[in-house]
Structure formats: structure tokens, C-alpha cells
Protein backbone atom coordinates (compact mmCIF):
# COMPACT_ATOMS: atom_id res chain seq x y z
CA MET A 1 0.04 -0.22 0.10
CA LYS A 2 1.28 3.15 -1.47
CA LYS A 3 0.85 6.50 0.67
CA GLY A 4 2.98 9.37 -0.29
CA ASP A 5 6.38 8.22 -0.86
CA GLU A 6 5.49 5.76 1.45
CA LEU A 7 5.73 2.01 1.25
CA TYR A 8 3.69 -0.14 3.26
CA ALA A 9 3.54 -3.68 3.23
CA LEU A 10 1.51 -6.05 5.56
CA GLY A 11 1.90 -9.38 6.48
CA GLU A 12 2.80 -12.52 8.85
CA SER A 13 6.07 -12.99 9.67
CA ILE A 14 7.50 -17.12 8.29
CA ALA A 15 8.35 -17.93 11.62
CA HIS A 16 4.87 -18.12 12.66
CA PHE A 17 3.09 -19.17 9.01
CA GLY A 18 3.19 -22.57 9.98
CA LYS A 19 1.18 -22.47 12.90
CA ILE A 20 -1.50 -20.70 10.71
CA LEU A 21 -1.04 -23.07 7.72
CA ALA A 22 -1.56 -25.98 10.64
CA ILE A 23 -4.80 -24.63 11.55
CA VAL A 24 -6.23 -23.81 7.99
CA ASN A 25 -5.58 -27.36 7.05
CA ARG A 26 -7.02 -28.65 10.38
CA PHE A 27 -9.97 -27.13 9.84
CA THR A 28 -10.13 -27.82 6.32
CA LEU A 29 -9.85 -31.51 7.09
CA PHE A 30 -12.74 -30.89 9.53
CA ILE A 31 -15.00 -29.39 6.68
CA SER A 32 -14.14 -32.28 4.13
CA VAL A 33 -15.13 -35.22 6.90
CA GLY A 34 -18.33 -33.17 7.79
CA GLU A 35 -18.92 -33.36 4.03
CA LEU A 36 -18.33 -36.76 3.25
CA ALA A 37 -20.69 -37.32 6.37
CA LEU A 38 -23.29 -35.69 5.25
CA ALA A 39 -23.06 -37.02 1.74
CA LEU A 40 -22.92 -40.55 3.24
CA LEU A 41 -26.42 -39.97 5.41
CA LEU A 42 -28.64 -38.18 2.73
CA SER A 43 -27.59 -41.10 0.32
CA ALA A 44 -28.57 -43.79 2.66
CA TRP A 45 -31.15 -42.13 3.25
CA SER A 46 -32.86 -41.28 0.01
CA ALA A 47 -31.42 -44.82 -1.41
CA ARG A 48 -33.91 -46.09 1.87
CA ARG A 49 -36.90 -43.82 1.34
CA ILE A 50 -36.89 -45.11 -3.14
CA LEU A 51 -36.51 -48.89 -2.30
CA ARG A 52 -38.61 -49.30 0.84
CA PRO A 53 -41.91 -48.97 -1.46
CA LEU A 54 -40.39 -51.44 -4.26
CA GLY A 55 -40.41 -54.05 -2.09
CA GLU A 56 -43.91 -53.45 -0.98
CA LEU A 57 -45.78 -52.92 -4.37
CA GLN A 58 -49.20 -53.73 -4.13
CA GLU A 59 -51.92 -52.63 -5.81
CA THR A 60 -55.62 -52.89 -4.74
CA ALA A 61 -58.74 -52.38 -7.06
CA GLU A 62 -62.32 -52.25 -6.26
CA TYR A 63 -65.02 -52.88 -9.03
CA GLY A 64 -68.45 -52.21 -7.30
CA PRO A 65 -68.98 -53.45 -3.21
CA ASP A 66 -68.47 -56.85 -3.91
CA LEU A 67 -65.26 -57.11 -6.06
CA LYS A 68 -62.05 -56.34 -5.17
CA VAL A 69 -58.46 -57.27 -6.56
CA VAL A 70 -55.44 -56.91 -4.78
CA VAL A 71 -52.17 -57.85 -6.44
CA ASN A 72 -48.70 -58.28 -5.13
CA PHE A 73 -46.48 -57.56 -7.86
CA SER A 74 -42.90 -57.86 -5.70
CA ASP A 75 -40.37 -60.97 -4.63
CA GLN A 76 -41.87 -61.53 -1.14
CA ASP A 77 -44.68 -62.59 0.01
CA ALA A 78 -47.50 -59.58 1.26
CA MET A 79 -50.10 -59.12 3.79
CA TYR A 80 -53.17 -58.03 3.30
CA GLY A 81 -55.07 -57.15 6.24
CA GLU A 82 -55.23 -61.07 7.39
CA ASP A 83 -54.41 -62.77 3.87
CA PRO A 84 -51.35 -63.81 2.79
CA ILE A 85 -50.38 -62.82 -0.87
CA LYS A 86 -47.67 -64.89 -2.23
CA ALA A 87 -45.24 -63.10 -4.57
CA LYS A 88 -46.50 -62.59 -7.90
CA SER A 89 -49.87 -63.53 -7.49
CA ALA A 90 -53.40 -61.83 -6.91
CA LEU A 91 -56.40 -62.07 -4.25
CA ILE A 92 -59.43 -62.20 -5.66
CA PHE A 93 -62.35 -61.26 -3.20
CA ASP A 94 -65.60 -61.77 -5.04
CA GLY A 95 -68.88 -61.15 -2.41
CA GLY A 96 -68.08 -63.65 0.27
CA LYS A 97 -65.72 -65.78 -1.16
CA ARG A 98 -61.41 -65.50 -1.73
CA ILE A 99 -59.85 -66.61 -4.84
CA PRO A 100 -55.99 -66.70 -5.30
CA PHE A 101 -54.59 -66.56 -8.38
CA ASP A 102 -51.08 -67.47 -8.71
CA ALA A 103 -49.71 -66.05 -11.82
CA ALA A 104 -46.59 -68.02 -11.78
CA SER A 105 -48.59 -71.31 -11.84
CA VAL A 106 -50.79 -70.04 -14.64
CA ALA A 107 -47.87 -69.14 -16.83
CA ALA A 108 -45.83 -72.38 -16.25
CA GLU A 109 -49.05 -74.78 -17.38
CA GLY A 110 -49.31 -72.48 -20.30
CA ASN A 111 -52.95 -71.47 -19.64
CA PHE A 112 -53.02 -68.06 -20.93
CA PRO A 113 -56.57 -66.85 -21.74
């Protein structure tokens, strides 16, 4: 900085620069570790929020007061109330009747409509 005919310089002596650099490096390390932990937590949280519903893929359709169809699209057995539904199958409620429909067995037999 120049003021009139005089020149002023501001700075830190080399003897104390190592301490300052160590503090700055430590601060940078803490920030980086914190950012990494936050990124891992957010990715685990978002993956859980996305993948959990995929394991519970069930669909219910009602056709009037007497006909209801519940389909389990997942690879695991599921429950609908107190009724078990096998993986990749459907449960048809027709009036008072409960009719299970297993798509895998129909596909194996080749009896497609």
C-alpha cells in the first residue's frame, strides 16, 4: 500500500506462518470430513426412501361393492389385512369368496386366456 512517498507492506512473519497453515489445514480437514459424512447419510436416507416402497408393491382395485382385487407385484410374500398374498400373485374377493390367483403357476401351465 503506497501513501505518498512511503510504501507500507502488511504480512505475517515466516516463523509464525507454519502455525497458521496448520490451523487452516485442520479446519479444511474437519469441513471435508463433515461434508463426506453428510453426503453418506443423505445418500443412505434417500436410497432407503426409494427402495423401501419397491419391496412392498401392492395394488388394490375395487369394482363395485362386491368385487376387489389385490395384486402383489413384489418378489416376497405380503399380507393384506389378515390374508397372505404370495409373491407375484393376486387375491380376488368376490362377494364372500376369497380366490387366490398365482400368475407363476398359470404361466408354467401355459393356460393364458
